[in-house]
Protein backbone atom coordinates (compact mmCIF):
# COMPACT_ATOMS: atom_id res chain seq x y z
CA MET A 1 0.22 -0.04 -0.09
CA ASP A 2 1.12 3.21 -1.18
CA ASP A 3 1.23 5.84 1.80
CA ALA A 4 2.64 8.87 0.01
CA PRO A 5 0.04 11.80 0.09
CA SER A 6 -2.19 11.97 -3.25
CA PHE A 7 -1.76 15.21 -5.17
CA ASP A 8 -4.88 17.55 -4.76
CA VAL A 9 -5.05 19.42 -7.98
CA GLU A 10 -7.32 22.12 -5.95
CA SER A 11 -4.44 23.12 -4.00
CA LEU A 12 -3.08 25.08 -7.06
CA ARG A 13 -3.54 28.70 -7.40
CA TYR A 14 -5.72 29.23 -10.41
CA ASP A 15 -6.66 32.40 -11.85
CA ALA A 16 -10.04 34.26 -11.76
CA ALA A 17 -11.14 32.28 -14.78
CA GLY A 18 -10.12 29.07 -13.17
CA LEU A 19 -6.70 28.58 -15.18
CA ILE A 20 -3.15 28.14 -14.41
CA PRO A 21 -0.29 28.90 -16.88
CA CYS A 22 2.18 25.34 -18.01
CA ILE A 23 5.23 25.67 -19.39
CA ALA A 24 6.20 22.90 -21.48
CA GLN A 25 9.75 21.98 -21.31
CA GLU A 26 11.65 19.09 -23.43
CA ALA A 27 12.89 16.73 -20.51
CA GLU A 28 16.00 15.66 -22.33
CA THR A 29 17.37 18.93 -23.50
CA GLY A 30 15.77 21.69 -21.43
CA GLU A 31 14.29 23.59 -24.40
CA VAL A 32 11.40 25.86 -23.69
CA LEU A 33 8.50 24.48 -26.19
CA MET A 34 5.65 26.49 -25.55
CA LEU A 35 3.14 28.03 -22.66
CA ALA A 36 -0.66 27.17 -22.38
CA TRP A 37 -3.09 26.89 -19.85
CA MET A 38 -4.65 24.28 -17.79
CA ASN A 39 -7.67 24.25 -15.28
CA ALA A 40 -8.14 21.68 -12.46
CA GLU A 41 -9.56 18.96 -14.87
CA ALA A 42 -6.70 19.51 -17.48
CA VAL A 43 -3.87 19.16 -14.83
CA ALA A 44 -5.96 15.70 -13.23
CA ARG A 45 -6.25 14.40 -17.12
CA THR A 46 -2.38 14.79 -17.65
CA LEU A 47 -1.72 13.43 -14.36
CA GLU A 48 -3.77 10.30 -15.19
CA THR A 49 -3.07 9.63 -18.73
CA GLY A 50 0.36 10.59 -19.12
CA ARG A 51 -0.47 12.79 -22.19
CA VAL A 52 -0.50 17.05 -21.54
CA THR A 53 -3.73 18.11 -21.78
CA TYR A 54 -4.74 21.86 -21.71
CA TRP A 55 -7.60 23.90 -21.72
CA SER A 56 -8.12 25.74 -25.04
CA ARG A 57 -9.35 29.12 -24.22
CA SER A 58 -10.25 30.08 -27.81
CA ARG A 59 -12.44 26.89 -28.05
CA ALA A 60 -13.28 26.74 -24.35
CA ALA A 61 -12.54 22.98 -24.63
CA PHE A 62 -9.99 20.34 -23.52
CA TRP A 63 -6.99 20.12 -26.10
CA VAL A 64 -4.80 16.91 -25.79
CA LYS A 65 -1.75 18.07 -27.48
CA GLY A 66 -1.12 15.97 -30.77
CA GLU A 67 -4.51 14.64 -30.75
CA THR A 68 -5.32 16.08 -34.00
CA SER A 69 -1.85 16.71 -35.50
CA GLY A 70 0.00 13.83 -33.79
CA HIS A 71 2.67 16.32 -32.30
CA VAL A 72 2.45 14.38 -28.81
CA GLN A 73 3.59 15.58 -25.67
CA GLU A 74 4.29 12.77 -23.20
CA LEU A 75 4.36 13.74 -19.60
CA VAL A 76 7.84 12.85 -17.96
CA ASP A 77 7.28 15.01 -15.06
CA LEU A 78 5.11 17.71 -13.65
CA ARG A 79 6.25 20.37 -11.51
CA VAL A 80 4.70 23.22 -9.33
CA ASP A 81 6.14 26.70 -8.72
CA CYS A 82 6.91 28.24 -4.99
CA ASP A 83 3.82 30.13 -5.24
CA ARG A 84 1.64 27.22 -6.81
CA ASP A 85 0.48 29.43 -9.29
CA CYS A 86 2.44 28.06 -12.29
CA LEU A 87 3.29 24.65 -13.67
CA LEU A 88 6.06 23.19 -15.51
CA ALA A 89 5.39 20.06 -17.73
CA LEU A 90 8.85 18.29 -18.55
CA VAL A 91 7.61 16.39 -21.63
CA ARG A 92 8.91 13.89 -24.57
CA GLN A 93 7.60 16.16 -27.59
CA THR A 94 6.98 14.36 -31.06
CA GLY A 95 7.12 16.59 -33.81
CA PRO A 96 6.84 20.31 -33.64
CA ALA A 97 5.38 21.98 -30.33
CA CYS A 98 3.83 25.13 -31.97
CA HIS A 99 0.70 25.14 -34.04
CA THR A 100 2.70 27.25 -36.78
CA ASN A 101 4.48 23.87 -37.02
CA ARG A 102 7.74 25.19 -35.31
CA ARG A 103 9.74 23.17 -33.15
CA VAL A 104 8.86 25.65 -30.45
CA CYS A 105 6.43 28.81 -29.88
CA PHE A 106 9.54 31.26 -29.01
CA TYR A 107 10.59 31.56 -32.49
CA THR A 108 10.92 35.19 -32.40
CA ALA A 109 13.39 37.28 -30.64
CA ILE A 110 13.84 41.01 -30.10
CA ARG A 111 17.24 42.42 -31.03
CA ASP A 112 18.25 45.81 -31.49
CA GLY A 113 14.68 46.82 -31.34
CA ALA A 114 13.64 44.76 -34.15
CA GLU A 115 11.95 41.25 -34.54
CA VAL A 116 13.93 38.51 -35.82
CA GLU A 117 12.43 35.18 -36.81
CA LEU A 118 14.63 32.64 -35.43
CA MET A 119 13.35 29.49 -37.13
CA ALA A 120 10.91 28.96 -39.90
CA PRO A 121 8.32 26.25 -39.90
CA VAL A 122 8.98 22.59 -40.34
CA PRO A 123 8.02 21.84 -44.11
């Protein structure tokens, strides 16, 4: 029998809309892939299934990463920050993480006052 305390998703600090930001990071390389939002049920589904599940604010629906694109995020570890108001999902990413078909969502840098595109979409 496991005596470890169970995790209560309600112990997290959600915003007024019931959401918490979640940063996805490639577990092996440390590369920051994206930021998306979760509600308590998305956190619970992620922990239960091992497939990262977000809450789509624009569609007002759950979004299992890779469900339609095949660009799956397999959960390796889910971490809570010190204030309990942000999550870090360490994942194994299959294919691009960004909906623009780029490896990461952070593909634009601001350098010398100008935007610079750091990577093109994957063909």
